[in-house]
Amino acid sequence: MINTQNISIELPKDVFLAINEDEKTLKKEIKILLAVKLYLFGKLTIGKASELAELSKTDFEKLLSENKIPISLLTYEDVLKDSEKLI
C-alpha cells in the first residue's frame, strides 16, 4: 500500500457548480493538473508525476504529448554536462 497524506481545498460553491463535475471526477482532474504543473516546474520526475496523476507512465507521457508538453525537460546544456561525465 502506498503511503499517502490527505489535503483538502475549499472551492466556492458557485465555482464548484460552474465546473459541473462530480467530486470524484474533479479530484482526479485536480491530481492530473497538479502532476503536470509540478512536472513542468521540475518539482517531480515524470515517474513521480505519473504516480500523482494515478496514470501509467505511458499514459502520462501520452497526456503530455496530447497537450504539446515536452516529455523531456532536459536542456541542451544538461545533455552537454551529462556527456562530459562520460568522457
Protein backbone atom coordinates (compact mmCIF):
# COMPACT_ATOMS: atom_id res chain seq x y z
CA MET A 1 0.00 0.00 0.00
CA ILE A 2 1.24 3.46 -0.91
CA ASN A 3 1.81 5.84 1.98
CA THR A 4 -0.47 8.85 1.42
CA GLN A 5 -1.41 12.08 3.08
CA ASN A 6 -4.71 13.89 2.61
CA ILE A 7 -5.09 17.59 1.99
CA SER A 8 -8.29 19.48 1.43
CA ILE A 9 -9.05 22.61 -0.55
CA GLU A 10 -12.08 24.80 -0.38
CA LEU A 11 -13.86 25.86 -3.54
CA PRO A 12 -16.56 28.49 -3.67
CA LYS A 13 -19.87 26.76 -4.30
CA ASP A 14 -20.53 28.70 -7.49
CA VAL A 15 -17.14 27.67 -8.90
CA PHE A 16 -17.81 24.05 -7.99
CA LEU A 17 -21.20 24.29 -9.71
CA ALA A 18 -19.69 26.01 -12.76
CA ILE A 19 -17.17 23.19 -13.17
CA ASN A 20 -20.12 20.81 -13.40
CA GLU A 21 -18.19 17.70 -12.37
CA ASP A 22 -18.89 15.20 -9.65
CA GLU A 23 -16.45 15.23 -6.74
CA LYS A 24 -14.64 12.04 -7.77
CA THR A 25 -14.01 13.29 -11.32
CA LEU A 26 -12.94 16.71 -10.08
CA LYS A 27 -10.43 15.16 -7.63
CA LYS A 28 -8.95 13.09 -10.47
CA GLU A 29 -8.67 16.16 -12.73
CA ILE A 30 -7.04 18.22 -9.96
CA LYS A 31 -4.45 15.47 -9.37
CA ILE A 32 -3.64 15.36 -13.08
CA LEU A 33 -3.35 19.15 -13.34
CA LEU A 34 -1.15 19.28 -10.23
CA ALA A 35 1.05 16.48 -11.54
CA VAL A 36 1.52 18.24 -14.90
CA LYS A 37 2.33 21.57 -13.25
CA LEU A 38 4.80 20.07 -10.77
CA TYR A 39 6.45 18.17 -13.63
CA LEU A 40 6.76 21.38 -15.67
CA PHE A 41 8.26 23.22 -12.68
CA GLY A 42 10.81 20.43 -12.32
CA LYS A 43 9.49 19.53 -8.88
CA LEU A 44 8.58 15.96 -9.88
CA THR A 45 10.12 13.49 -12.28
CA ILE A 46 7.87 12.12 -14.99
CA GLY A 47 7.59 8.88 -12.99
CA LYS A 48 6.52 10.61 -9.77
CA ALA A 49 4.16 12.90 -11.68
CA SER A 50 2.50 9.90 -13.31
CA GLU A 51 2.08 8.34 -9.85
CA LEU A 52 0.45 11.52 -8.55
CA ALA A 53 -1.85 11.62 -11.57
CA GLU A 54 -2.65 7.93 -10.97
CA LEU A 55 -1.72 7.16 -14.58
CA SER A 56 0.78 4.75 -16.02
CA LYS A 57 3.97 6.43 -17.17
CA THR A 58 2.97 5.72 -20.78
CA ASP A 59 -0.48 7.26 -20.30
CA PHE A 60 1.03 10.30 -18.57
CA GLU A 61 3.51 10.76 -21.42
CA LYS A 62 0.61 10.47 -23.89
CA LEU A 63 -1.30 13.13 -21.93
CA LEU A 64 1.72 15.43 -22.06
CA SER A 65 2.14 14.84 -25.77
CA GLU A 66 -1.55 15.50 -26.47
CA ASN A 67 -1.17 18.83 -24.66
CA LYS A 68 2.06 19.70 -26.52
CA ILE A 69 4.12 19.45 -23.34
CA PRO A 70 7.63 18.03 -23.85
CA ILE A 71 8.22 14.58 -22.42
CA SER A 72 11.81 15.53 -21.64
CA LEU A 73 12.66 18.82 -19.99
CA LEU A 74 16.40 18.41 -20.48
CA THR A 75 18.11 21.43 -21.94
CA TYR A 76 20.96 21.35 -24.39
CA GLU A 77 23.27 22.34 -21.51
CA ASP A 78 22.01 19.40 -19.42
CA VAL A 79 22.86 17.00 -22.23
CA LEU A 80 26.33 18.54 -22.63
CA LYS A 81 27.03 18.24 -18.90
CA ASP A 82 25.92 14.60 -18.89
CA SER A 83 28.01 13.79 -21.95
CA GLU A 84 31.09 15.38 -20.36
CA LYS A 85 30.73 12.96 -17.46
CA LEU A 86 31.09 10.07 -19.91
CA ILE A 87 34.42 11.25 -21.28
